[in-house]
Amino acid sequence: GMMVQTKDKSYFNMNAKKESLETFYFFKQLYQSKRCLIILDGYYEWQD
């Protein structure tokens, strides 16, 4: 999780949408030089 900064606010973020990599400046900058892999063997999801 990281604090994301926009023009008018900052907020805590733990998931970044793949579709926003080219449109959201904050993630676009990280995508250019701060890429990583997360290692896991499973995850949980909640069905409403």
All heavy atoms as atom14 arrays in JSON, in Angstrom:
{
  "sequence": "GMMVQTKDKSYFNMNAKKESLETFYFFKQLYQSKRCLIILDGYYEWQD",
  "atom14_mask": [
    [1, 1, 1, 1, 0, 0, 0, 0, 0, 0, 0, 0, 0, 0],
    [1, 1, 1, 1, 1, 1, 1, 1, 0, 0, 0, 0, 0, 0],
    [1, 1, 1, 1, 1, 1, 1, 1, 0, 0, 0, 0, 0, 0],
    [1, 1, 1, 1, 1, 1, 1, 0, 0, 0, 0, 0, 0, 0],
    [1, 1, 1, 1, 1, 1, 1, 1, 1, 0, 0, 0, 0, 0],
    [1, 1, 1, 1, 1, 1, 1, 0, 0, 0, 0, 0, 0, 0],
    [1, 1, 1, 1, 1, 1, 1, 1, 1, 0, 0, 0, 0, 0],
    [1, 1, 1, 1, 1, 1, 1, 1, 0, 0, 0, 0, 0, 0],
    [1, 1, 1, 1, 1, 1, 1, 1, 1, 0, 0, 0, 0, 0],
    [1, 1, 1, 1, 1, 1, 0, 0, 0, 0, 0, 0, 0, 0],
    [1, 1, 1, 1, 1, 1, 1, 1, 1, 1, 1, 1, 0, 0],
    [1, 1, 1, 1, 1, 1, 1, 1, 1, 1, 1, 0, 0, 0],
    [1, 1, 1, 1, 1, 1, 1, 1, 0, 0, 0, 0, 0, 0],
    [1, 1, 1, 1, 1, 1, 1, 1, 0, 0, 0, 0, 0, 0],
    [1, 1, 1, 1, 1, 1, 1, 1, 0, 0, 0, 0, 0, 0],
    [1, 1, 1, 1, 1, 0, 0, 0, 0, 0, 0, 0, 0, 0],
    [1, 1, 1, 1, 1, 1, 1, 1, 1, 0, 0, 0, 0, 0],
    [1, 1, 1, 1, 1, 1, 1, 1, 1, 0, 0, 0, 0, 0],
    [1, 1, 1, 1, 1, 1, 1, 1, 1, 0, 0, 0, 0, 0],
    [1, 1, 1, 1, 1, 1, 0, 0, 0, 0, 0, 0, 0, 0],
    [1, 1, 1, 1, 1, 1, 1, 1, 0, 0, 0, 0, 0, 0],
    [1, 1, 1, 1, 1, 1, 1, 1, 1, 0, 0, 0, 0, 0],
    [1, 1, 1, 1, 1, 1, 1, 0, 0, 0, 0, 0, 0, 0],
    [1, 1, 1, 1, 1, 1, 1, 1, 1, 1, 1, 0, 0, 0],
    [1, 1, 1, 1, 1, 1, 1, 1, 1, 1, 1, 1, 0, 0],
    [1, 1, 1, 1, 1, 1, 1, 1, 1, 1, 1, 0, 0, 0],
    [1, 1, 1, 1, 1, 1, 1, 1, 1, 1, 1, 0, 0, 0],
    [1, 1, 1, 1, 1, 1, 1, 1, 1, 0, 0, 0, 0, 0],
    [1, 1, 1, 1, 1, 1, 1, 1, 1, 0, 0, 0, 0, 0],
    [1, 1, 1, 1, 1, 1, 1, 1, 0, 0, 0, 0, 0, 0],
    [1, 1, 1, 1, 1, 1, 1, 1, 1, 1, 1, 1, 0, 0],
    [1, 1, 1, 1, 1, 1, 1, 1, 1, 0, 0, 0, 0, 0],
    [1, 1, 1, 1, 1, 1, 0, 0, 0, 0, 0, 0, 0, 0],
    [1, 1, 1, 1, 1, 1, 1, 1, 1, 0, 0, 0, 0, 0],
    [1, 1, 1, 1, 1, 1, 1, 1, 1, 1, 1, 0, 0, 0],
    [1, 1, 1, 1, 1, 1, 0, 0, 0, 0, 0, 0, 0, 0],
    [1, 1, 1, 1, 1, 1, 1, 1, 0, 0, 0, 0, 0, 0],
    [1, 1, 1, 1, 1, 1, 1, 1, 0, 0, 0, 0, 0, 0],
    [1, 1, 1, 1, 1, 1, 1, 1, 0, 0, 0, 0, 0, 0],
    [1, 1, 1, 1, 1, 1, 1, 1, 0, 0, 0, 0, 0, 0],
    [1, 1, 1, 1, 1, 1, 1, 1, 0, 0, 0, 0, 0, 0],
    [1, 1, 1, 1, 0, 0, 0, 0, 0, 0, 0, 0, 0, 0],
    [1, 1, 1, 1, 1, 1, 1, 1, 1, 1, 1, 1, 0, 0],
    [1, 1, 1, 1, 1, 1, 1, 1, 1, 1, 1, 1, 0, 0],
    [1, 1, 1, 1, 1, 1, 1, 1, 1, 0, 0, 0, 0, 0],
    [1, 1, 1, 1, 1, 1, 1, 1, 1, 1, 1, 1, 1, 1],
    [1, 1, 1, 1, 1, 1, 1, 1, 1, 0, 0, 0, 0, 0],
    [1, 1, 1, 1, 1, 1, 1, 1, 0, 0, 0, 0, 0, 0]
  ],
  "atom14_positions": [
    [[0.82, -1.21, 0.0], [0.0, 0.0, 0.0], [0.85, 1.26, 0.0], [1.92, 1.3, 0.62], [0.0, 0.0, 0.0], [0.0, 0.0, 0.0], [0.0, 0.0, 0.0], [0.0, 0.0, 0.0], [0.0, 0.0, 0.0], [0.0, 0.0, 0.0], [0.0, 0.0, 0.0], [0.0, 0.0, 0.0], [0.0, 0.0, 0.0], [0.0, 0.0, 0.0]],
    [[0.41, 2.26, -0.71], [1.15, 3.52, -0.79], [0.19, 4.71, -0.81], [-0.98, 4.57, -1.15], [2.02, 3.54, -2.05], [1.25, 3.49, -3.35], [2.3, 3.61, -4.84], [3.3, 2.13, -4.71], [0.0, 0.0, 0.0], [0.0, 0.0, 0.0], [0.0, 0.0, 0.0], [0.0, 0.0, 0.0], [0.0, 0.0, 0.0], [0.0, 0.0, 0.0]],
    [[0.71, 5.86, -0.43], [-0.07, 7.09, -0.52], [0.04, 7.62, -1.95], [1.13, 7.83, -2.46], [0.44, 8.13, 0.48], [0.22, 7.74, 1.92], [-1.52, 7.37, 2.34], [-2.3, 8.97, 2.0], [0.0, 0.0, 0.0], [0.0, 0.0, 0.0], [0.0, 0.0, 0.0], [0.0, 0.0, 0.0], [0.0, 0.0, 0.0], [0.0, 0.0, 0.0]],
    [[-1.11, 7.8, -2.57], [-1.17, 8.31, -3.95], [-1.54, 9.79, -3.91], [-2.48, 10.18, -3.21], [-2.21, 7.52, -4.77], [-2.43, 8.16, -6.13], [-1.77, 6.07, -4.93], [0.0, 0.0, 0.0], [0.0, 0.0, 0.0], [0.0, 0.0, 0.0], [0.0, 0.0, 0.0], [0.0, 0.0, 0.0], [0.0, 0.0, 0.0], [0.0, 0.0, 0.0]],
    [[-0.82, 10.58, -4.65], [-1.04, 12.02, -4.67], [-1.66, 12.46, -6.0], [-1.16, 12.13, -7.07], [0.29, 12.76, -4.46], [0.17, 14.26, -4.34], [-0.55, 14.67, -3.07], [-0.21, 14.22, -1.97], [-1.56, 15.53, -3.19], [0.0, 0.0, 0.0], [0.0, 0.0, 0.0], [0.0, 0.0, 0.0], [0.0, 0.0, 0.0], [0.0, 0.0, 0.0]],
    [[-2.76, 13.19, -5.91], [-3.36, 13.81, -7.09], [-3.3, 15.32, -6.91], [-2.74, 15.81, -5.93], [-4.83, 13.36, -7.26], [-5.61, 13.86, -6.16], [-4.93, 11.84, -7.29], [0.0, 0.0, 0.0], [0.0, 0.0, 0.0], [0.0, 0.0, 0.0], [0.0, 0.0, 0.0], [0.0, 0.0, 0.0], [0.0, 0.0, 0.0], [0.0, 0.0, 0.0]],
    [[-3.91, 16.06, -7.83], [-3.86, 17.52, -7.74], [-4.55, 18.05, -6.49], [-4.11, 19.03, -5.89], [-4.5, 18.14, -8.98], [-3.69, 17.94, -10.26], [-4.37, 18.63, -11.43], [-3.54, 18.47, -12.7], [-4.17, 19.13, -13.87], [0.0, 0.0, 0.0], [0.0, 0.0, 0.0], [0.0, 0.0, 0.0], [0.0, 0.0, 0.0], [0.0, 0.0, 0.0]],
    [[-5.66, 17.4, -6.09], [-6.42, 17.93, -4.97], [-6.45, 17.08, -3.72], [-7.01, 17.5, -2.72], [-7.88, 18.22, -5.4], [-8.37, 17.39, -6.55], [-7.61, 16.62, -7.05], [-9.52, 17.53, -6.92], [0.0, 0.0, 0.0], [0.0, 0.0, 0.0], [0.0, 0.0, 0.0], [0.0, 0.0, 0.0], [0.0, 0.0, 0.0], [0.0, 0.0, 0.0]],
    [[-5.89, 15.87, -3.74], [-5.95, 15.04, -2.54], [-4.89, 13.94, -2.58], [-4.27, 13.68, -3.61], [-7.34, 14.4, -2.4], [-7.68, 13.41, -3.51], [-9.05, 12.76, -3.25], [-9.36, 11.74, -4.34], [-10.67, 11.06, -4.11], [0.0, 0.0, 0.0], [0.0, 0.0, 0.0], [0.0, 0.0, 0.0], [0.0, 0.0, 0.0], [0.0, 0.0, 0.0]],
    [[-4.71, 13.31, -1.44], [-3.87, 12.12, -1.36], [-4.67, 11.03, -0.67], [-5.53, 11.32, 0.18], [-2.57, 12.41, -0.6], [-2.86, 12.79, 0.73], [0.0, 0.0, 0.0], [0.0, 0.0, 0.0], [0.0, 0.0, 0.0], [0.0, 0.0, 0.0], [0.0, 0.0, 0.0], [0.0, 0.0, 0.0], [0.0, 0.0, 0.0], [0.0, 0.0, 0.0]],
    [[-4.41, 9.78, -1.03], [-5.17, 8.68, -0.44], [-4.34, 7.41, -0.45], [-3.39, 7.27, -1.23], [-6.49, 8.47, -1.19], [-6.34, 8.11, -2.65], [-6.27, 6.79, -3.09], [-6.24, 9.12, -3.62], [-6.12, 6.47, -4.43], [-6.08, 8.81, -4.97], [-6.03, 7.48, -5.36], [-5.87, 7.17, -6.69], [0.0, 0.0, 0.0], [0.0, 0.0, 0.0]],
    [[-4.71, 6.47, 0.43], [-4.02, 5.19, 0.52], [-4.5, 4.26, -0.58], [-5.7, 4.1, -0.8], [-4.28, 4.56, 1.89], [-3.56, 3.25, 2.1], [-2.22, 3.22, 2.4], [-4.26, 2.04, 1.99], [-1.55, 2.01, 2.59], [-3.61, 0.83, 2.18], [-2.26, 0.82, 2.48], [0.0, 0.0, 0.0], [0.0, 0.0, 0.0], [0.0, 0.0, 0.0]],
    [[-3.57, 3.64, -1.28], [-3.9, 2.76, -2.41], [-3.16, 1.44, -2.28], [-1.98, 1.42, -1.97], [-3.52, 3.44, -3.73], [-3.66, 2.52, -4.92], [-2.78, 1.71, -5.19], [-4.75, 2.64, -5.64], [0.0, 0.0, 0.0], [0.0, 0.0, 0.0], [0.0, 0.0, 0.0], [0.0, 0.0, 0.0], [0.0, 0.0, 0.0], [0.0, 0.0, 0.0]],
    [[-3.87, 0.32, -2.5], [-3.23, -0.99, -2.45], [-3.34, -1.75, -3.76], [-2.67, -2.74, -3.97], [-3.82, -1.84, -1.32], [-5.3, -2.11, -1.45], [-5.89, -3.05, -0.02], [-7.58, -3.4, -0.56], [0.0, 0.0, 0.0], [0.0, 0.0, 0.0], [0.0, 0.0, 0.0], [0.0, 0.0, 0.0], [0.0, 0.0, 0.0], [0.0, 0.0, 0.0]],
    [[-4.22, -1.28, -4.68], [-4.4, -1.9, -5.99], [-4.4, -0.82, -7.07], [-5.11, 0.18, -6.94], [-5.73, -2.66, -6.07], [-5.8, -3.88, -5.17], [-6.87, -4.34, -4.81], [-4.66, -4.43, -4.8], [0.0, 0.0, 0.0], [0.0, 0.0, 0.0], [0.0, 0.0, 0.0], [0.0, 0.0, 0.0], [0.0, 0.0, 0.0], [0.0, 0.0, 0.0]],
    [[-3.64, -1.04, -8.12], [-3.6, -0.1, -9.25], [-4.23, -0.76, -10.47], [-3.86, -1.88, -10.83], [-2.16, 0.3, -9.56], [0.0, 0.0, 0.0], [0.0, 0.0, 0.0], [0.0, 0.0, 0.0], [0.0, 0.0, 0.0], [0.0, 0.0, 0.0], [0.0, 0.0, 0.0], [0.0, 0.0, 0.0], [0.0, 0.0, 0.0], [0.0, 0.0, 0.0]],
    [[-5.17, -0.08, -11.1], [-5.8, -0.63, -12.29], [-4.83, -0.62, -13.48], [-4.21, 0.39, -13.78], [-7.06, 0.17, -12.65], [-8.21, -0.02, -11.68], [-9.44, 0.72, -12.17], [-10.63, 0.48, -11.23], [-11.85, 1.16, -11.72], [0.0, 0.0, 0.0], [0.0, 0.0, 0.0], [0.0, 0.0, 0.0], [0.0, 0.0, 0.0], [0.0, 0.0, 0.0]],
    [[-4.72, -1.75, -14.12], [-3.87, -1.87, -15.31], [-4.26, -0.83, -16.35], [-3.4, -0.26, -17.03], [-3.99, -3.28, -15.88], [-3.22, -3.54, -17.16], [-3.49, -4.95, -17.66], [-2.85, -5.23, -19.0], [-3.17, -6.6, -19.49], [0.0, 0.0, 0.0], [0.0, 0.0, 0.0], [0.0, 0.0, 0.0], [0.0, 0.0, 0.0], [0.0, 0.0, 0.0]],
    [[-5.56, -0.57, -16.47], [-6.06, 0.37, -17.48], [-5.64, 1.81, -17.22], [-5.73, 2.66, -18.1], [-7.59, 0.29, -17.54], [-8.15, -1.08, -17.89], [-8.36, -1.98, -16.68], [-7.77, -1.71, -15.61], [-9.11, -2.95, -16.8], [0.0, 0.0, 0.0], [0.0, 0.0, 0.0], [0.0, 0.0, 0.0], [0.0, 0.0, 0.0], [0.0, 0.0, 0.0]],
    [[-5.17, 2.1, -15.99], [-4.82, 3.48, -15.64], [-3.34, 3.8, -15.86], [-2.92, 4.94, -15.65], [-5.19, 3.75, -14.17], [-4.32, 3.03, -13.3], [0.0, 0.0, 0.0], [0.0, 0.0, 0.0], [0.0, 0.0, 0.0], [0.0, 0.0, 0.0], [0.0, 0.0, 0.0], [0.0, 0.0, 0.0], [0.0, 0.0, 0.0], [0.0, 0.0, 0.0]],
    [[-2.56, 2.83, -16.3], [-1.12, 3.04, -16.41], [-0.75, 4.13, -17.39], [0.28, 4.81, -17.23], [-0.43, 1.73, -16.81], [-0.49, 0.58, -15.79], [0.24, -0.64, -16.34], [0.08, 1.0, -14.46], [0.0, 0.0, 0.0], [0.0, 0.0, 0.0], [0.0, 0.0, 0.0], [0.0, 0.0, 0.0], [0.0, 0.0, 0.0], [0.0, 0.0, 0.0]],
    [[-1.54, 4.31, -18.43], [-1.23, 5.32, -19.44], [-1.98, 6.62, -19.23], [-1.7, 7.61, -19.91], [-1.54, 4.76, -20.84], [-0.67, 3.58, -21.26], [0.81, 3.93, -21.29], [1.14, 5.09, -21.63], [1.63, 3.07, -20.96], [0.0, 0.0, 0.0], [0.0, 0.0, 0.0], [0.0, 0.0, 0.0], [0.0, 0.0, 0.0], [0.0, 0.0, 0.0]],
    [[-2.93, 6.64, -18.29], [-3.76, 7.84, -18.13], [-3.56, 8.54, -16.79], [-3.73, 9.76, -16.7], [-5.25, 7.48, -18.29], [-5.59, 6.47, -17.32], [-5.52, 6.93, -19.68], [0.0, 0.0, 0.0], [0.0, 0.0, 0.0], [0.0, 0.0, 0.0], [0.0, 0.0, 0.0], [0.0, 0.0, 0.0], [0.0, 0.0, 0.0], [0.0, 0.0, 0.0]],
    [[-3.22, 7.81, -15.75], [-3.06, 8.4, -14.42], [-1.58, 8.7, -14.2], [-0.76, 7.79, -14.12], [-3.61, 7.45, -13.36], [-3.57, 8.01, -11.96], [-3.61, 9.36, -11.71], [-3.5, 7.15, -10.88], [-3.57, 9.87, -10.44], [-3.47, 7.64, -9.59], [-3.5, 9.0, -9.37], [0.0, 0.0, 0.0], [0.0, 0.0, 0.0], [0.0, 0.0, 0.0]],
    [[-1.24, 9.97, -14.09], [0.16, 10.4, -14.06], [0.96, 9.71, -12.96], [2.1, 9.29, -13.19], [0.24, 11.92, -13.88], [1.65, 12.45, -13.79], [2.41, 12.59, -14.95], [2.23, 12.77, -12.57], [3.72, 13.05, -14.88], [3.52, 13.23, -12.49], [4.27, 13.38, -13.65], [5.56, 13.83, -13.58], [0.0, 0.0, 0.0], [0.0, 0.0, 0.0]],
    [[0.4, 9.56, -11.78], [1.13, 8.98, -10.65], [1.59, 7.57, -10.98], [2.76, 7.22, -10.8], [0.24, 8.98, -9.4], [0.93, 8.52, -8.16], [1.59, 9.44, -7.34], [0.94, 7.19, -7.78], [2.25, 9.02, -6.18], [1.59, 6.75, -6.64], [2.24, 7.67, -5.83], [0.0, 0.0, 0.0], [0.0, 0.0, 0.0], [0.0, 0.0, 0.0]],
    [[0.68, 6.73, -11.47], [1.04, 5.35, -11.8], [1.88, 5.28, -13.07], [2.73, 4.39, -13.21], [-0.21, 4.49, -11.95], [-0.91, 4.23, -10.65], [-2.29, 4.13, -10.59], [-0.2, 4.07, -9.47], [-2.94, 3.89, -9.39], [-0.84, 3.83, -8.26], [-2.21, 3.73, -8.23], [0.0, 0.0, 0.0], [0.0, 0.0, 0.0], [0.0, 0.0, 0.0]],
    [[1.65, 6.19, -13.99], [2.42, 6.21, -15.23], [3.9, 6.41, -14.94], [4.76, 5.76, -15.55], [1.89, 7.31, -16.15], [2.55, 7.34, -17.52], [1.91, 8.39, -18.41], [2.53, 8.39, -19.8], [1.89, 9.41, -20.69], [0.0, 0.0, 0.0], [0.0, 0.0, 0.0], [0.0, 0.0, 0.0], [0.0, 0.0, 0.0], [0.0, 0.0, 0.0]],
    [[4.21, 7.3, -14.0], [5.6, 7.55, -13.63], [6.24, 6.3, -13.0], [7.37, 5.96, -13.32], [5.66, 8.72, -12.64], [5.33, 10.07, -13.25], [6.38, 10.5, -14.26], [6.19, 10.4, -15.46], [7.51, 10.99, -13.77], [0.0, 0.0, 0.0], [0.0, 0.0, 0.0], [0.0, 0.0, 0.0], [0.0, 0.0, 0.0], [0.0, 0.0, 0.0]],
    [[5.51, 5.63, -12.12], [6.05, 4.43, -11.49], [6.22, 3.31, -12.52], [7.2, 2.55, -12.47], [5.12, 3.96, -10.37], [4.93, 4.91, -9.19], [4.02, 4.27, -8.15], [6.27, 5.29, -8.57], [0.0, 0.0, 0.0], [0.0, 0.0, 0.0], [0.0, 0.0, 0.0], [0.0, 0.0, 0.0], [0.0, 0.0, 0.0], [0.0, 0.0, 0.0]],
    [[5.29, 3.23, -13.44], [5.33, 2.17, -14.46], [6.58, 2.29, -15.33], [7.11, 1.29, -15.82], [4.06, 2.27, -15.32], [3.95, 1.25, -16.42], [4.06, -0.12, -16.15], [3.72, 1.64, -17.74], [3.95, -1.06, -17.17], [3.61, 0.7, -18.76], [3.72, -0.64, -18.46], [3.62, -1.56, -19.47], [0.0, 0.0, 0.0], [0.0, 0.0, 0.0]],
    [[7.08, 3.48, -15.51], [8.25, 3.69, -16.35], [9.54, 3.19, -15.71], [10.46, 2.76, -16.4], [8.37, 5.17, -16.71], [7.27, 5.66, -17.64], [7.31, 7.16, -17.87], [8.11, 7.87, -17.26], [6.44, 7.65, -18.74], [0.0, 0.0, 0.0], [0.0, 0.0, 0.0], [0.0, 0.0, 0.0], [0.0, 0.0, 0.0], [0.0, 0.0, 0.0]],
    [[9.61, 3.23, -14.38], [10.91, 2.9, -13.75], [10.82, 2.15, -12.42], [11.86, 1.78, -11.87], [11.7, 4.2, -13.52], [10.98, 5.07, -12.67], [0.0, 0.0, 0.0], [0.0, 0.0, 0.0], [0.0, 0.0, 0.0], [0.0, 0.0, 0.0], [0.0, 0.0, 0.0], [0.0, 0.0, 0.0], [0.0, 0.0, 0.0], [0.0, 0.0, 0.0]],
    [[9.63, 1.93, -11.9], [9.5, 1.29, -10.58], [8.56, 0.08, -10.66], [7.59, -0.03, -9.93], [8.97, 2.31, -9.56], [9.9, 3.48, -9.28], [11.13, 3.01, -8.53], [11.98, 4.18, -8.05], [12.61, 4.9, -9.16], [0.0, 0.0, 0.0], [0.0, 0.0, 0.0], [0.0, 0.0, 0.0], [0.0, 0.0, 0.0], [0.0, 0.0, 0.0]],
    [[8.91, -0.84, -11.56], [8.11, -2.05, -11.72], [8.64, -3.16, -10.82], [9.85, -3.27, -10.6], [8.12, -2.51, -13.18], [7.55, -1.48, -14.15], [7.55, -2.02, -15.58], [8.88, -2.28, -16.08], [9.66, -1.38, -16.66], [9.23, -0.13, -16.82], [10.87, -1.7, -17.11], [0.0, 0.0, 0.0], [0.0, 0.0, 0.0], [0.0, 0.0, 0.0]],
    [[7.74, -4.0, -10.33], [8.15, -5.11, -9.5], [7.18, -6.27, -9.66], [6.12, -6.13, -10.3], [8.25, -4.69, -8.02], [6.66, -4.32, -7.26], [0.0, 0.0, 0.0], [0.0, 0.0, 0.0], [0.0, 0.0, 0.0], [0.0, 0.0, 0.0], [0.0, 0.0, 0.0], [0.0, 0.0, 0.0], [0.0, 0.0, 0.0], [0.0, 0.0, 0.0]],
    [[7.53, -7.39, -9.06], [6.66, -8.56, -9.02], [6.34, -8.86, -7.57], [7.19, -8.71, -6.69], [7.35, -9.77, -9.65], [7.82, -9.63, -11.08], [8.66, -10.86, -11.47], [6.64, -9.48, -12.04], [0.0, 0.0, 0.0], [0.0, 0.0, 0.0], [0.0, 0.0, 0.0], [0.0, 0.0, 0.0], [0.0, 0.0, 0.0], [0.0, 0.0, 0.0]],
    [[5.13, -9.29, -7.32], [4.72, -9.72, -5.99], [4.57, -11.23, -6.02], [3.94, -11.79, -6.92], [3.4, -9.04, -5.59], [3.6, -7.52, -5.53], [2.88, -9.57, -4.26], [2.33, -6.72, -5.61], [0.0, 0.0, 0.0], [0.0, 0.0, 0.0], [0.0, 0.0, 0.0], [0.0, 0.0, 0.0], [0.0, 0.0, 0.0], [0.0, 0.0, 0.0]],
    [[5.18, -11.89, -5.05], [5.18, -13.35, -4.99], [4.04, -13.81, -4.08], [3.94, -13.38, -2.93], [6.51, -13.89, -4.45], [7.7, -13.25, -5.17], [6.57, -15.4, -4.59], [9.04, -13.55, -4.52], [0.0, 0.0, 0.0], [0.0, 0.0, 0.0], [0.0, 0.0, 0.0], [0.0, 0.0, 0.0], [0.0, 0.0, 0.0], [0.0, 0.0, 0.0]],
    [[3.2, -14.72, -4.58], [2.12, -15.27, -3.77], [1.75, -16.64, -4.3], [2.08, -17.01, -5.42], [0.89, -14.35, -3.76], [0.16, -14.11, -5.08], [-1.3, -13.77, -4.81], [0.79, -12.99, -5.88], [0.0, 0.0, 0.0], [0.0, 0.0, 0.0], [0.0, 0.0, 0.0], [0.0, 0.0, 0.0], [0.0, 0.0, 0.0], [0.0, 0.0, 0.0]],
    [[1.06, -17.41, -3.47], [0.57, -18.68, -3.98], [-0.94, -18.77, -3.93], [-1.53, -19.82, -4.23], [1.21, -19.89, -3.27], [1.29, -19.74, -1.77], [0.41, -19.1, -1.18], [2.23, -20.29, -1.19], [0.0, 0.0, 0.0], [0.0, 0.0, 0.0], [0.0, 0.0, 0.0], [0.0, 0.0, 0.0], [0.0, 0.0, 0.0], [0.0, 0.0, 0.0]],
    [[-1.6, -17.68, -3.57], [-3.05, -17.62, -3.6], [-3.53, -16.3, -3.03], [-2.77, -15.58, -2.37], [0.0, 0.0, 0.0], [0.0, 0.0, 0.0], [0.0, 0.0, 0.0], [0.0, 0.0, 0.0], [0.0, 0.0, 0.0], [0.0, 0.0, 0.0], [0.0, 0.0, 0.0], [0.0, 0.0, 0.0], [0.0, 0.0, 0.0], [0.0, 0.0, 0.0]],
    [[-4.77, -15.97, -3.31], [-5.34, -14.74, -2.74], [-6.82, -14.96, -2.45], [-7.45, -15.91, -2.93], [-5.14, -13.55, -3.68], [-5.96, -13.57, -4.95], [-7.15, -12.84, -5.05], [-5.54, -14.28, -6.06], [-7.89, -12.84, -6.22], [-6.27, -14.28, -7.24], [-7.45, -13.57, -7.31], [-8.19, -13.57, -8.47], [0.0, 0.0, 0.0], [0.0, 0.0, 0.0]],
    [[-7.36, -14.09, -1.61], [-8.77, -14.16, -1.24], [-9.56, -13.08, -1.96], [-9.08, -11.97, -2.18], [-8.95, -13.97, 0.27], [-8.21, -14.97, 1.11], [-6.96, -14.67, 1.65], [-8.75, -16.23, 1.38], [-6.27, -15.58, 2.44], [-8.07, -17.14, 2.18], [-6.83, -16.81, 2.7], [-6.16, -17.72, 3.48], [0.0, 0.0, 0.0], [0.0, 0.0, 0.0]],
    [[-10.78, -13.43, -2.32], [-11.7, -12.45, -2.9], [-13.07, -12.68, -2.28], [-13.43, -13.8, -1.94], [-11.75, -12.59, -4.42], [-12.34, -11.4, -5.12], [-11.64, -10.1, -4.73], [-10.63, -9.75, -5.36], [-12.13, -9.43, -3.79], [0.0, 0.0, 0.0], [0.0, 0.0, 0.0], [0.0, 0.0, 0.0], [0.0, 0.0, 0.0], [0.0, 0.0, 0.0]],
    [[-13.82, -11.58, -2.14], [-15.12, -11.65, -1.5], [-16.24, -11.44, -2.51], [-16.27, -10.43, -3.22], [-15.21, -10.6, -0.4], [-14.49, -10.97, 0.85], [-15.04, -11.44, 2.01], [-13.07, -10.91, 1.1], [-14.07, -11.7, 2.95], [-12.85, -11.38, 2.41], [-11.98, -10.54, 0.32], [-11.58, -11.46, 2.97], [-10.71, -10.62, 0.87], [-10.52, -11.07, 2.19]],
    [[-17.14, -12.41, -2.57], [-18.29, -12.33, -3.47], [-19.47, -11.73, -2.71], [-19.87, -12.21, -1.65], [-18.67, -13.73, -3.98], [-19.83, -13.72, -4.98], [-20.29, -15.14, -5.3], [-20.64, -15.89, -4.4], [-20.27, -15.49, -6.58], [0.0, 0.0, 0.0], [0.0, 0.0, 0.0], [0.0, 0.0, 0.0], [0.0, 0.0, 0.0], [0.0, 0.0, 0.0]],
    [[-20.02, -10.66, -3.27], [-21.17, -10.01, -2.65], [-22.42, -10.86, -2.84], [-22.86, -11.1, -3.96], [-21.37, -8.63, -3.28], [-22.39, -7.79, -2.52], [-23.12, -8.34, -1.66], [-22.46, -6.57, -2.77], [0.0, 0.0, 0.0], [0.0, 0.0, 0.0], [0.0, 0.0, 0.0], [0.0, 0.0, 0.0], [0.0, 0.0, 0.0], [0.0, 0.0, 0.0]]
  ]
}
